[in-house]
Amino acid sequence: MAVLTRGKEALRYAGTATAAMPYLREAATDDELRESLRGARHALARIADEMASDERLRGRLFGRATRAEARRVRARRRRRRLARWGLIVSGLLAGVAVVAAVAAVLLYPASRRRITQTVGDARRNVTSIGGRVRRKAAAPDETPGTDETSASAEPIGTAA
C-alpha cells in the first residue's frame, strides 16, 4: 500500500514540476526578470539589516514574544495544577465512597451476616476442592467419577 501511495505522490510532484517548467525556463533565460529578483533580494536584505540594528524595534518585537510565551507558560502550569488537584479530589471522593459503603454494609446486621456466611461457604468449598485434589494426587489409580466429597462441603454452584 505504501508503494502505491509513494508512486501517486511522485506522479503528482512530477505533474507539478512539469507545469512549472515553462516559468522556470523563462526565469532562467530572462535577464530583466533575474535582475529584478536580484534587486528585490538586496532590498529585503537591507531592510532586515536595518531592523536588526534598530534597538527599539528589536525590544518591542522580543518583548511581545516573551510576554506571549510567559502567558502560555502560565496557562500550561494552571492546566497541570487543575488536573493534579482534580485527580487528588477524585481519589479522595472515591476513597470516602468506598469507606462509606463498607461502613454501611458492616453496620447493617443482615449484610454483615450475609457477608460472613458467604465467606464461610467459600472457605469450605476451597477446602473441599483442595482435599479432593490431594486425594486424587495421592491415589491416581482410582477410576474417574468416584471421587469423594466431604459431608460439610456444599456444591460449588451455591457458594455465590
Protein backbone atom coordinates (compact mmCIF):
# COMPACT_ATOMS: atom_id res chain seq x y z
CA MET A 1 0.00 0.00 0.00
CA ALA A 2 2.84 2.39 0.85
CA VAL A 3 4.45 1.79 -2.55
CA LEU A 4 1.25 2.80 -4.33
CA THR A 5 0.95 5.93 -2.20
CA ARG A 6 4.56 6.88 -2.92
CA GLY A 7 4.05 6.29 -6.61
CA LYS A 8 0.97 8.53 -6.65
CA GLU A 9 2.87 11.24 -4.78
CA ALA A 10 5.77 11.01 -7.24
CA LEU A 11 3.37 11.37 -10.17
CA ARG A 12 1.70 14.36 -8.54
CA TYR A 13 5.05 16.06 -7.91
CA ALA A 14 6.17 15.28 -11.44
CA GLY A 15 2.99 16.86 -12.77
CA THR A 16 3.62 19.98 -10.69
CA ALA A 17 7.22 20.20 -11.87
CA THR A 18 6.14 19.75 -15.49
CA ALA A 19 3.58 22.54 -15.12
CA ALA A 20 6.17 24.88 -13.58
CA MET A 21 8.82 24.13 -16.20
CA PRO A 22 7.92 26.93 -18.68
CA TYR A 23 8.04 29.52 -15.89
CA LEU A 24 11.39 28.26 -14.65
CA ARG A 25 12.78 28.28 -18.19
CA GLU A 26 11.60 31.86 -18.64
CA ALA A 27 13.11 32.94 -15.31
CA ALA A 28 16.42 31.31 -16.25
CA THR A 29 16.63 32.99 -19.65
CA ASP A 30 15.05 36.41 -18.98
CA ASP A 31 17.81 38.82 -17.92
CA GLU A 32 15.41 41.58 -16.91
CA LEU A 33 13.43 39.26 -14.58
CA ARG A 34 16.62 37.95 -12.98
CA GLU A 35 17.86 41.48 -12.41
CA SER A 36 14.55 42.47 -10.80
CA LEU A 37 14.69 39.44 -8.49
CA ARG A 38 18.27 40.25 -7.55
CA GLY A 39 17.30 43.85 -6.73
CA ALA A 40 14.36 42.67 -4.59
CA ARG A 41 16.66 40.34 -2.68
CA HIS A 42 19.16 43.17 -1.99
CA ALA A 43 16.35 45.48 -0.83
CA LEU A 44 14.98 42.83 1.56
CA ALA A 45 18.47 42.19 2.94
CA ARG A 46 18.96 45.93 3.63
CA ILE A 47 15.58 46.16 5.38
CA ALA A 48 16.41 43.11 7.51
CA ASP A 49 19.79 44.65 8.48
CA GLU A 50 18.14 47.91 9.49
CA MET A 51 15.55 46.11 11.55
CA ALA A 52 18.26 44.07 13.28
CA SER A 53 20.23 47.19 14.18
CA ASP A 54 17.18 49.12 15.48
CA GLU A 55 17.27 48.55 19.24
CA ARG A 56 13.74 49.87 19.91
CA LEU A 57 12.15 47.69 17.25
CA ARG A 58 14.02 44.63 18.44
CA GLY A 59 12.99 45.30 22.04
CA ARG A 60 9.33 45.68 21.08
CA LEU A 61 9.32 42.51 18.99
CA PHE A 62 11.14 40.38 21.56
CA GLY A 63 9.17 41.91 24.43
CA ARG A 64 5.92 40.88 22.80
CA ALA A 65 7.26 37.42 22.12
CA THR A 66 8.45 36.91 25.69
CA ARG A 67 5.18 38.23 27.17
CA ALA A 68 3.18 35.90 24.93
CA GLU A 69 5.41 32.97 25.88
CA ALA A 70 5.05 33.82 29.58
CA ARG A 71 1.25 33.82 29.20
CA ARG A 72 1.38 30.41 27.52
CA VAL A 73 3.61 29.02 30.25
CA ARG A 74 1.28 30.33 32.98
CA ALA A 75 -1.75 28.82 31.22
CA ARG A 76 0.05 25.46 30.85
CA ARG A 77 1.01 25.44 34.55
CA ARG A 78 -2.56 26.32 35.52
CA ARG A 79 -3.94 23.40 33.46
CA ARG A 80 -1.43 21.00 35.05
CA ARG A 81 -2.27 22.24 38.54
CA LEU A 82 -6.01 21.85 37.90
CA ALA A 83 -5.50 18.36 36.52
CA ARG A 84 -3.40 17.37 39.54
CA TRP A 85 -5.94 18.73 42.03
CA GLY A 86 -8.78 17.14 40.08
CA LEU A 87 -7.06 13.77 40.33
CA ILE A 88 -6.44 14.20 44.06
CA VAL A 89 -10.03 15.26 44.77
CA SER A 90 -11.41 12.40 42.64
CA GLY A 91 -9.26 9.91 44.54
CA LEU A 92 -10.37 11.31 47.88
CA LEU A 93 -14.05 11.17 46.88
CA ALA A 94 -13.67 7.59 45.66
CA GLY A 95 -11.94 6.63 48.92
CA VAL A 96 -14.66 8.26 51.01
CA ALA A 97 -17.32 6.48 48.95
CA VAL A 98 -15.64 3.10 49.45
CA VAL A 99 -15.22 3.66 53.18
CA ALA A 100 -18.84 4.77 53.50
CA ALA A 101 -20.07 1.73 51.57
CA VAL A 102 -18.00 -0.68 53.66
CA ALA A 103 -19.11 1.01 56.89
CA ALA A 104 -22.78 0.87 55.85
CA VAL A 105 -22.50 -2.81 54.95
CA LEU A 106 -20.73 -3.72 58.16
CA LEU A 107 -23.04 -1.68 60.37
CA TYR A 108 -26.18 -3.24 58.97
CA PRO A 109 -26.51 -6.65 60.76
CA ALA A 110 -28.22 -8.53 57.93
CA SER A 111 -25.48 -7.53 55.49
CA ARG A 112 -22.76 -8.49 57.94
CA ARG A 113 -24.39 -11.89 58.49
CA ARG A 114 -24.67 -12.49 54.73
CA ILE A 115 -21.03 -11.49 54.16
CA THR A 116 -19.73 -13.80 56.87
CA GLN A 117 -21.93 -16.64 55.58
CA THR A 118 -20.64 -16.17 52.02
CA VAL A 119 -17.01 -16.05 53.18
CA GLY A 120 -17.54 -19.20 55.27
CA ASP A 121 -19.17 -21.04 52.35
CA ALA A 122 -16.32 -20.05 50.05
CA ARG A 123 -13.73 -21.24 52.59
CA ARG A 124 -15.46 -24.61 52.94
CA ASN A 125 -15.68 -25.07 49.17
CA VAL A 126 -11.99 -24.25 48.68
CA THR A 127 -11.05 -26.64 51.46
CA SER A 128 -13.23 -29.35 49.92
CA ILE A 129 -11.69 -28.85 46.46
CA GLY A 130 -8.18 -28.85 47.94
CA GLY A 131 -8.92 -32.11 49.78
CA ARG A 132 -10.23 -33.78 46.63
CA VAL A 133 -7.17 -32.70 44.65
CA ARG A 134 -4.83 -34.07 47.35
CA ARG A 135 -6.69 -37.39 47.44
CA LYS A 136 -6.57 -37.74 43.66
CA ALA A 137 -2.88 -36.87 43.60
CA ALA A 138 -2.17 -39.42 46.32
CA ALA A 139 -4.23 -42.22 44.68
CA PRO A 140 -4.03 -41.82 40.88
CA ASP A 141 -5.16 -45.42 40.23
CA GLU A 142 -8.82 -44.69 41.08
CA THR A 143 -11.33 -44.62 38.29
CA PRO A 144 -12.61 -41.19 37.33
CA GLY A 145 -16.00 -40.22 38.68
CA THR A 146 -15.63 -41.96 42.04
CA ASP A 147 -14.20 -39.00 43.92
CA GLU A 148 -15.39 -38.43 47.44
CA THR A 149 -16.60 -35.15 48.86
CA SER A 150 -16.74 -34.16 52.46
CA ALA A 151 -20.15 -34.11 54.08
CA SER A 152 -19.83 -30.46 55.15
CA ALA A 153 -18.97 -29.13 51.70
CA GLU A 154 -21.65 -27.61 49.53
CA PRO A 155 -21.62 -27.78 45.75
CA ILE A 156 -19.57 -25.01 44.14
CA GLY A 157 -22.57 -23.58 42.34
CA THR A 158 -24.26 -22.46 45.57
CA ALA A 159 -21.23 -20.72 47.04
CA ALA A 160 -22.03 -17.42 45.35
